[in-house]
PDB file of all heavy atoms in Angstrom:
ATOM      1  N   SER A   1       0.200  -9.722  -1.592  1.00  0.00           N
ATOM      2  CA  SER A   1      -0.951  -9.128  -2.255  1.00  0.00           C
ATOM      3  C   SER A   1      -2.156  -9.164  -1.330  1.00  0.00           C
ATOM      4  O   SER A   1      -2.148  -9.842  -0.307  1.00  0.00           O
ATOM      5  CB  SER A   1      -1.273  -9.882  -3.548  1.00  0.00           C
ATOM      6  OG  SER A   1      -1.650 -11.209  -3.245  1.00  0.00           O
ATOM      7  N   PHE A   2      -3.185  -8.405  -1.713  1.00  0.00           N
ATOM      8  CA  PHE A   2      -4.476  -8.531  -1.047  1.00  0.00           C
ATOM      9  C   PHE A   2      -5.584  -8.233  -2.049  1.00  0.00           C
ATOM     10  O   PHE A   2      -5.371  -7.579  -3.063  1.00  0.00           O
ATOM     11  CB  PHE A   2      -4.596  -7.659   0.209  1.00  0.00           C
ATOM     12  CG  PHE A   2      -4.599  -6.166   0.003  1.00  0.00           C
ATOM     13  CD1 PHE A   2      -5.735  -5.491  -0.434  1.00  0.00           C
ATOM     14  CD2 PHE A   2      -3.466  -5.425   0.295  1.00  0.00           C
ATOM     15  CE1 PHE A   2      -5.731  -4.113  -0.588  1.00  0.00           C
ATOM     16  CE2 PHE A   2      -3.452  -4.047   0.154  1.00  0.00           C
ATOM     17  CZ  PHE A   2      -4.595  -3.389  -0.296  1.00  0.00           C
ATOM     18  N   THR A   3      -6.752  -8.774  -1.746  1.00  0.00           N
ATOM     19  CA  THR A   3      -7.955  -8.549  -2.536  1.00  0.00           C
ATOM     20  C   THR A   3      -9.005  -7.980  -1.601  1.00  0.00           C
ATOM     21  O   THR A   3      -9.267  -8.554  -0.544  1.00  0.00           O
ATOM     22  CB  THR A   3      -8.448  -9.867  -3.164  1.00  0.00           C
ATOM     23  OG1 THR A   3      -7.401 -10.408  -3.966  1.00  0.00           O
ATOM     24  CG2 THR A   3      -9.679  -9.645  -4.007  1.00  0.00           C
ATOM     25  N   MET A   4      -9.577  -6.839  -1.984  1.00  0.00           N
ATOM     26  CA  MET A   4     -10.525  -6.139  -1.121  1.00  0.00           C
ATOM     27  C   MET A   4     -11.874  -5.997  -1.824  1.00  0.00           C
ATOM     28  O   MET A   4     -11.939  -5.435  -2.921  1.00  0.00           O
ATOM     29  CB  MET A   4      -9.955  -4.749  -0.790  1.00  0.00           C
ATOM     30  CG  MET A   4     -10.851  -3.886   0.057  1.00  0.00           C
ATOM     31  SD  MET A   4     -10.097  -2.293   0.486  1.00  0.00           S
ATOM     32  CE  MET A   4     -10.181  -1.425  -1.081  1.00  0.00           C
ATOM     33  N   PRO A   5     -12.954  -6.500  -1.222  1.00  0.00           N
ATOM     34  CA  PRO A   5     -14.275  -6.345  -1.845  1.00  0.00           C
ATOM     35  C   PRO A   5     -14.786  -4.920  -1.691  1.00  0.00           C
ATOM     36  O   PRO A   5     -14.571  -4.270  -0.665  1.00  0.00           O
ATOM     37  CB  PRO A   5     -15.147  -7.323  -1.055  1.00  0.00           C
ATOM     38  CG  PRO A   5     -14.487  -7.424   0.279  1.00  0.00           C
ATOM     39  CD  PRO A   5     -13.017  -7.234   0.031  1.00  0.00           C
ATOM     40  N   VAL A   6     -15.461  -4.433  -2.747  1.00  0.00           N
ATOM     41  CA  VAL A   6     -16.047  -3.087  -2.733  1.00  0.00           C
ATOM     42  C   VAL A   6     -17.436  -3.186  -3.360  1.00  0.00           C
ATOM     43  O   VAL A   6     -17.598  -3.792  -4.413  1.00  0.00           O
ATOM     44  CB  VAL A   6     -15.177  -2.079  -3.518  1.00  0.00           C
ATOM     45  CG1 VAL A   6     -15.813  -0.702  -3.513  1.00  0.00           C
ATOM     46  CG2 VAL A   6     -13.768  -2.023  -2.943  1.00  0.00           C
ATOM     47  N   ARG A   7     -18.429  -2.580  -2.701  1.00  0.00           N
ATOM     48  CA  ARG A   7     -19.804  -2.591  -3.216  1.00  0.00           C
ATOM     49  C   ARG A   7     -20.039  -1.415  -4.169  1.00  0.00           C
ATOM     50  O   ARG A   7     -19.369  -0.389  -4.091  1.00  0.00           O
ATOM     51  CB  ARG A   7     -20.798  -2.488  -2.060  1.00  0.00           C
ATOM     52  CG  ARG A   7     -20.831  -3.696  -1.176  1.00  0.00           C
ATOM     53  CD  ARG A   7     -21.940  -3.519  -0.117  1.00  0.00           C
ATOM     54  NE  ARG A   7     -21.631  -4.323   1.030  1.00  0.00           N
ATOM     55  CZ  ARG A   7     -21.152  -3.856   2.184  1.00  0.00           C
ATOM     56  NH1 ARG A   7     -20.945  -2.589   2.363  1.00  0.00           N
ATOM     57  NH2 ARG A   7     -20.894  -4.689   3.176  1.00  0.00           N
ATOM     58  N   THR A   8     -21.043  -1.552  -5.010  1.00  0.00           N
ATOM     59  CA  THR A   8     -21.443  -0.475  -5.915  1.00  0.00           C
ATOM     60  C   THR A   8     -21.692   0.808  -5.124  1.00  0.00           C
ATOM     61  O   THR A   8     -22.365   0.780  -4.089  1.00  0.00           O
ATOM     62  CB  THR A   8     -22.742  -0.860  -6.661  1.00  0.00           C
ATOM     63  OG1 THR A   8     -22.515  -2.062  -7.385  1.00  0.00           O
ATOM     64  CG2 THR A   8     -23.184   0.241  -7.611  1.00  0.00           C
ATOM     65  N   GLY A   9     -21.117   1.903  -5.586  1.00  0.00           N
ATOM     66  CA  GLY A   9     -21.322   3.204  -4.947  1.00  0.00           C
ATOM     67  C   GLY A   9     -20.341   3.528  -3.843  1.00  0.00           C
ATOM     68  O   GLY A   9     -20.248   4.682  -3.417  1.00  0.00           O
ATOM     69  N   GLU A  10     -19.626   2.532  -3.345  1.00  0.00           N
ATOM     70  CA  GLU A  10     -18.658   2.805  -2.278  1.00  0.00           C
ATOM     71  C   GLU A  10     -17.415   3.499  -2.840  1.00  0.00           C
ATOM     72  O   GLU A  10     -17.079   3.353  -4.007  1.00  0.00           O
ATOM     73  CB  GLU A  10     -18.225   1.506  -1.583  1.00  0.00           C
ATOM     74  CG  GLU A  10     -19.239   0.969  -0.625  1.00  0.00           C
ATOM     75  CD  GLU A  10     -18.702  -0.184   0.196  1.00  0.00           C
ATOM     76  OE1 GLU A  10     -17.967  -1.035  -0.345  1.00  0.00           O
ATOM     77  OE2 GLU A  10     -19.025  -0.228   1.386  1.00  0.00           O
ATOM     78  N   TYR A  11     -16.769   4.236  -1.990  1.00  0.00           N
ATOM     79  CA  TYR A  11     -15.505   4.869  -2.316  1.00  0.00           C
ATOM     80  C   TYR A  11     -14.377   3.991  -1.792  1.00  0.00           C
ATOM     81  O   TYR A  11     -14.534   3.313  -0.769  1.00  0.00           O
ATOM     82  CB  TYR A  11     -15.416   6.255  -1.671  1.00  0.00           C
ATOM     83  CG  TYR A  11     -16.415   7.225  -2.230  1.00  0.00           C
ATOM     84  CD1 TYR A  11     -17.709   7.282  -1.728  1.00  0.00           C
ATOM     85  CD2 TYR A  11     -16.069   8.073  -3.280  1.00  0.00           C
ATOM     86  CE1 TYR A  11     -18.641   8.172  -2.245  1.00  0.00           C
ATOM     87  CE2 TYR A  11     -16.989   8.965  -3.804  1.00  0.00           C
ATOM     88  CZ  TYR A  11     -18.262   9.006  -3.284  1.00  0.00           C
ATOM     89  OH  TYR A  11     -19.176   9.876  -3.803  1.00  0.00           O
ATOM     90  N   TRP A  12     -13.235   4.002  -2.484  1.00  0.00           N
ATOM     91  CA  TRP A  12     -12.105   3.196  -2.036  1.00  0.00           C
ATOM     92  C   TRP A  12     -10.786   3.874  -2.398  1.00  0.00           C
ATOM     93  O   TRP A  12     -10.716   4.699  -3.293  1.00  0.00           O
ATOM     94  CB  TRP A  12     -12.170   1.779  -2.600  1.00  0.00           C
ATOM     95  CG  TRP A  12     -12.112   1.682  -4.092  1.00  0.00           C
ATOM     96  CD1 TRP A  12     -13.153   1.720  -4.963  1.00  0.00           C
ATOM     97  CD2 TRP A  12     -10.929   1.524  -4.897  1.00  0.00           C
ATOM     98  NE1 TRP A  12     -12.711   1.598  -6.256  1.00  0.00           N
ATOM     99  CE2 TRP A  12     -11.358   1.478  -6.244  1.00  0.00           C
ATOM    100  CE3 TRP A  12      -9.578   1.415  -4.616  1.00  0.00           C
ATOM    101  CZ2 TRP A  12     -10.458   1.315  -7.300  1.00  0.00           C
ATOM    102  CZ3 TRP A  12      -8.691   1.265  -5.659  1.00  0.00           C
ATOM    103  CH2 TRP A  12      -9.128   1.212  -6.982  1.00  0.00           C
ATOM    104  N   ARG A  13      -9.753   3.498  -1.648  1.00  0.00           N
ATOM    105  CA  ARG A  13      -8.415   4.055  -1.870  1.00  0.00           C
ATOM    106  C   ARG A  13      -7.378   3.032  -1.410  1.00  0.00           C
ATOM    107  O   ARG A  13      -7.578   2.320  -0.430  1.00  0.00           O
ATOM    108  CB  ARG A  13      -8.240   5.340  -1.070  1.00  0.00           C
ATOM    109  CG  ARG A  13      -6.837   5.936  -1.156  1.00  0.00           C
ATOM    110  CD  ARG A  13      -6.651   7.158  -0.277  1.00  0.00           C
ATOM    111  NE  ARG A  13      -6.809   6.764   1.118  1.00  0.00           N
ATOM    112  CZ  ARG A  13      -7.455   7.491   2.021  1.00  0.00           C
ATOM    113  NH1 ARG A  13      -8.001   8.631   1.714  1.00  0.00           N
ATOM    114  NH2 ARG A  13      -7.557   7.058   3.262  1.00  0.00           N
ATOM    115  N   VAL A  14      -6.265   2.984  -2.115  1.00  0.00           N
ATOM    116  CA  VAL A  14      -5.108   2.205  -1.686  1.00  0.00           C
ATOM    117  C   VAL A  14      -4.003   3.202  -1.383  1.00  0.00           C
ATOM    118  O   VAL A  14      -3.670   4.050  -2.213  1.00  0.00           O
ATOM    119  CB  VAL A  14      -4.645   1.219  -2.784  1.00  0.00           C
ATOM    120  CG1 VAL A  14      -3.342   0.535  -2.375  1.00  0.00           C
ATOM    121  CG2 VAL A  14      -5.729   0.191  -3.065  1.00  0.00           C
ATOM    122  N   SER A  15      -3.467   3.139  -0.179  1.00  0.00           N
ATOM    123  CA  SER A  15      -2.361   4.021   0.194  1.00  0.00           C
ATOM    124  C   SER A  15      -1.144   3.172   0.536  1.00  0.00           C
ATOM    125  O   SER A  15      -1.266   2.020   0.947  1.00  0.00           O
ATOM    126  CB  SER A  15      -2.751   4.912   1.374  1.00  0.00           C
ATOM    127  OG  SER A  15      -3.189   4.123   2.458  1.00  0.00           O
ATOM    128  N   THR A  16       0.027   3.741   0.337  1.00  0.00           N
ATOM    129  CA  THR A  16       1.272   3.023   0.615  1.00  0.00           C
ATOM    130  C   THR A  16       2.188   3.868   1.462  1.00  0.00           C
ATOM    131  O   THR A  16       2.100   5.097   1.488  1.00  0.00           O
ATOM    132  CB  THR A  16       2.017   2.648  -0.682  1.00  0.00           C
ATOM    133  OG1 THR A  16       2.330   3.845  -1.394  1.00  0.00           O
ATOM    134  CG2 THR A  16       1.194   1.725  -1.551  1.00  0.00           C
ATOM    135  N   SER A  17       3.078   3.203   2.162  1.00  0.00           N
ATOM    136  CA  SER A  17       4.169   3.885   2.877  1.00  0.00           C
ATOM    137  C   SER A  17       5.446   3.106   2.606  1.00  0.00           C
ATOM    138  O   SER A  17       5.474   1.878   2.706  1.00  0.00           O
ATOM    139  CB  SER A  17       3.880   3.973   4.371  1.00  0.00           C
ATOM    140  OG  SER A  17       3.756   2.685   4.934  1.00  0.00           O
ATOM    141  N   GLN A  18       6.467   3.823   2.211  1.00  0.00           N
ATOM    142  CA  GLN A  18       7.762   3.231   1.857  1.00  0.00           C
ATOM    143  C   GLN A  18       8.717   3.467   3.021  1.00  0.00           C
ATOM    144  O   GLN A  18       8.919   4.600   3.427  1.00  0.00           O
ATOM    145  CB  GLN A  18       8.298   3.894   0.588  1.00  0.00           C
ATOM    146  CG  GLN A  18       9.597   3.324   0.086  1.00  0.00           C
ATOM    147  CD  GLN A  18       9.390   2.042  -0.701  1.00  0.00           C
ATOM    148  OE1 GLN A  18       8.521   1.968  -1.542  1.00  0.00           O
ATOM    149  NE2 GLN A  18      10.197   1.058  -0.441  1.00  0.00           N
ATOM    150  N   ASP A  19       9.286   2.414   3.532  1.00  0.00           N
ATOM    151  CA  ASP A  19      10.248   2.514   4.623  1.00  0.00           C
ATOM    152  C   ASP A  19      11.644   2.205   4.110  1.00  0.00           C
ATOM    153  O   ASP A  19      11.818   1.689   3.008  1.00  0.00           O
ATOM    154  CB  ASP A  19       9.904   1.519   5.742  1.00  0.00           C
ATOM    155  CG  ASP A  19       8.554   1.788   6.363  1.00  0.00           C
ATOM    156  OD1 ASP A  19       8.158   2.968   6.427  1.00  0.00           O
ATOM    157  OD2 ASP A  19       7.898   0.830   6.763  1.00  0.00           O
ATOM    158  N   CYS A  20      12.628   2.473   4.936  1.00  0.00           N
ATOM    159  CA  CYS A  20      14.012   2.093   4.617  1.00  0.00           C
ATOM    160  C   CYS A  20      14.236   0.642   5.029  1.00  0.00           C
ATOM    161  O   CYS A  20      13.483   0.082   5.810  1.00  0.00           O
ATOM    162  CB  CYS A  20      14.988   2.989   5.367  1.00  0.00           C
ATOM    163  SG  CYS A  20      14.886   4.711   4.882  1.00  0.00           S
ATOM    164  N   ASP A  21      15.300   0.059   4.503  1.00  0.00           N
ATOM    165  CA  ASP A  21      15.634  -1.297   4.924  1.00  0.00           C
ATOM    166  C   ASP A  21      16.259  -1.248   6.319  1.00  0.00           C
ATOM    167  O   ASP A  21      16.388  -0.181   6.926  1.00  0.00           O
ATOM    168  CB  ASP A  21      16.542  -1.981   3.903  1.00  0.00           C
ATOM    169  CG  ASP A  21      17.928  -1.374   3.835  1.00  0.00           C
ATOM    170  OD1 ASP A  21      18.222  -0.442   4.613  1.00  0.00           O
ATOM    171  OD2 ASP A  21      18.723  -1.817   3.002  1.00  0.00           O
ATOM    172  N   ALA A  22      16.653  -2.384   6.838  1.00  0.00           N
ATOM    173  CA  ALA A  22      17.199  -2.465   8.196  1.00  0.00           C
ATOM    174  C   ALA A  22      18.479  -1.651   8.356  1.00  0.00           C
ATOM    175  O   ALA A  22      18.820  -1.239   9.460  1.00  0.00           O
ATOM    176  CB  ALA A  22      17.447  -3.918   8.577  1.00  0.00           C
ATOM    177  N   SER A  23      19.180  -1.385   7.259  1.00  0.00           N
ATOM    178  CA  SER A  23      20.412  -0.590   7.308  1.00  0.00           C
ATOM    179  C   SER A  23      20.142   0.900   7.119  1.00  0.00           C
ATOM    180  O   SER A  23      21.068   1.702   7.107  1.00  0.00           O
ATOM    181  CB  SER A  23      21.384  -1.058   6.223  1.00  0.00           C
ATOM    182  OG  SER A  23      21.639  -2.435   6.361  1.00  0.00           O
ATOM    183  N   GLY A  24      18.886   1.298   6.927  1.00  0.00           N
ATOM    184  CA  GLY A  24      18.549   2.700   6.750  1.00  0.00           C
ATOM    185  C   GLY A  24      18.598   3.182   5.315  1.00  0.00           C
ATOM    186  O   GLY A  24      18.517   4.374   5.050  1.00  0.00           O
ATOM    187  N   ASN A  25      18.746   2.263   4.356  1.00  0.00           N
ATOM    188  CA  ASN A  25      18.802   2.633   2.944  1.00  0.00           C
ATOM    189  C   ASN A  25      17.402   2.620   2.335  1.00  0.00           C
ATOM    190  O   ASN A  25      16.681   1.652   2.501  1.00  0.00           O
ATOM    191  CB  ASN A  25      19.692   1.655   2.169  1.00  0.00           C
ATOM    192  CG  ASN A  25      21.091   1.603   2.739  1.00  0.00           C
ATOM    193  OD1 ASN A  25      21.719   2.634   2.922  1.00  0.00           O
ATOM    194  ND2 ASN A  25      21.552   0.404   3.053  1.00  0.00           N
ATOM    195  N   PRO A  26      17.033   3.686   1.594  1.00  0.00           N
ATOM    196  CA  PRO A  26      15.721   3.696   0.959  1.00  0.00           C
ATOM    197  C   PRO A  26      15.677   2.740  -0.227  1.00  0.00           C
ATOM    198  O   PRO A  26      16.697   2.457  -0.847  1.00  0.00           O
ATOM    199  CB  PRO A  26      15.556   5.142   0.492  1.00  0.00           C
ATOM    200  CG  PRO A  26      16.951   5.626   0.300  1.00  0.00           C
ATOM    201  CD  PRO A  26      17.794   4.893   1.319  1.00  0.00           C
ATOM    202  N   GLY A  27      14.518   2.245  -0.536  1.00  0.00           N
ATOM    203  CA  GLY A  27      14.331   1.368  -1.685  1.00  0.00           C
ATOM    204  C   GLY A  27      13.074   1.765  -2.429  1.00  0.00           C
ATOM    205  O   GLY A  27      12.399   2.710  -2.045  1.00  0.00           O
ATOM    206  N   GLN A  28      12.756   1.063  -3.464  1.00  0.00           N
ATOM    207  CA  GLN A  28      11.556   1.371  -4.233  1.00  0.00           C
ATOM    208  C   GLN A  28      10.884   0.073  -4.658  1.00  0.00           C
ATOM    209  O   GLN A  28      11.158  -0.446  -5.728  1.00  0.00           O
ATOM    210  CB  GLN A  28      11.898   2.229  -5.452  1.00  0.00           C
ATOM    211  CG  GLN A  28      10.691   2.765  -6.179  1.00  0.00           C
ATOM    212  CD  GLN A  28       9.829   3.666  -5.290  1.00  0.00           C
ATOM    213  OE1 GLN A  28      10.341   4.445  -4.505  1.00  0.00           O
ATOM    214  NE2 GLN A  28       8.529   3.534  -5.405  1.00  0.00           N
ATOM    215  N   ALA A  29      10.020  -0.458  -3.810  1.00  0.00           N
ATOM    216  CA  ALA A  29       9.282  -1.673  -4.144  1.00  0.00           C
ATOM    217  C   ALA A  29       8.186  -1.333  -5.151  1.00  0.00           C
ATOM    218  O   ALA A  29       7.700  -0.207  -5.214  1.00  0.00           O
ATOM    219  CB  ALA A  29       8.671  -2.279  -2.886  1.00  0.00           C
TER     220      ALA A  29
END
């Protein structure tokens, strides 16, 4: 996990990227 401080009026976004496991199989965390 992470906690990110944001001030009043600021814009924010969380983006993700999903990779395959070491065997090349996709997953869904």
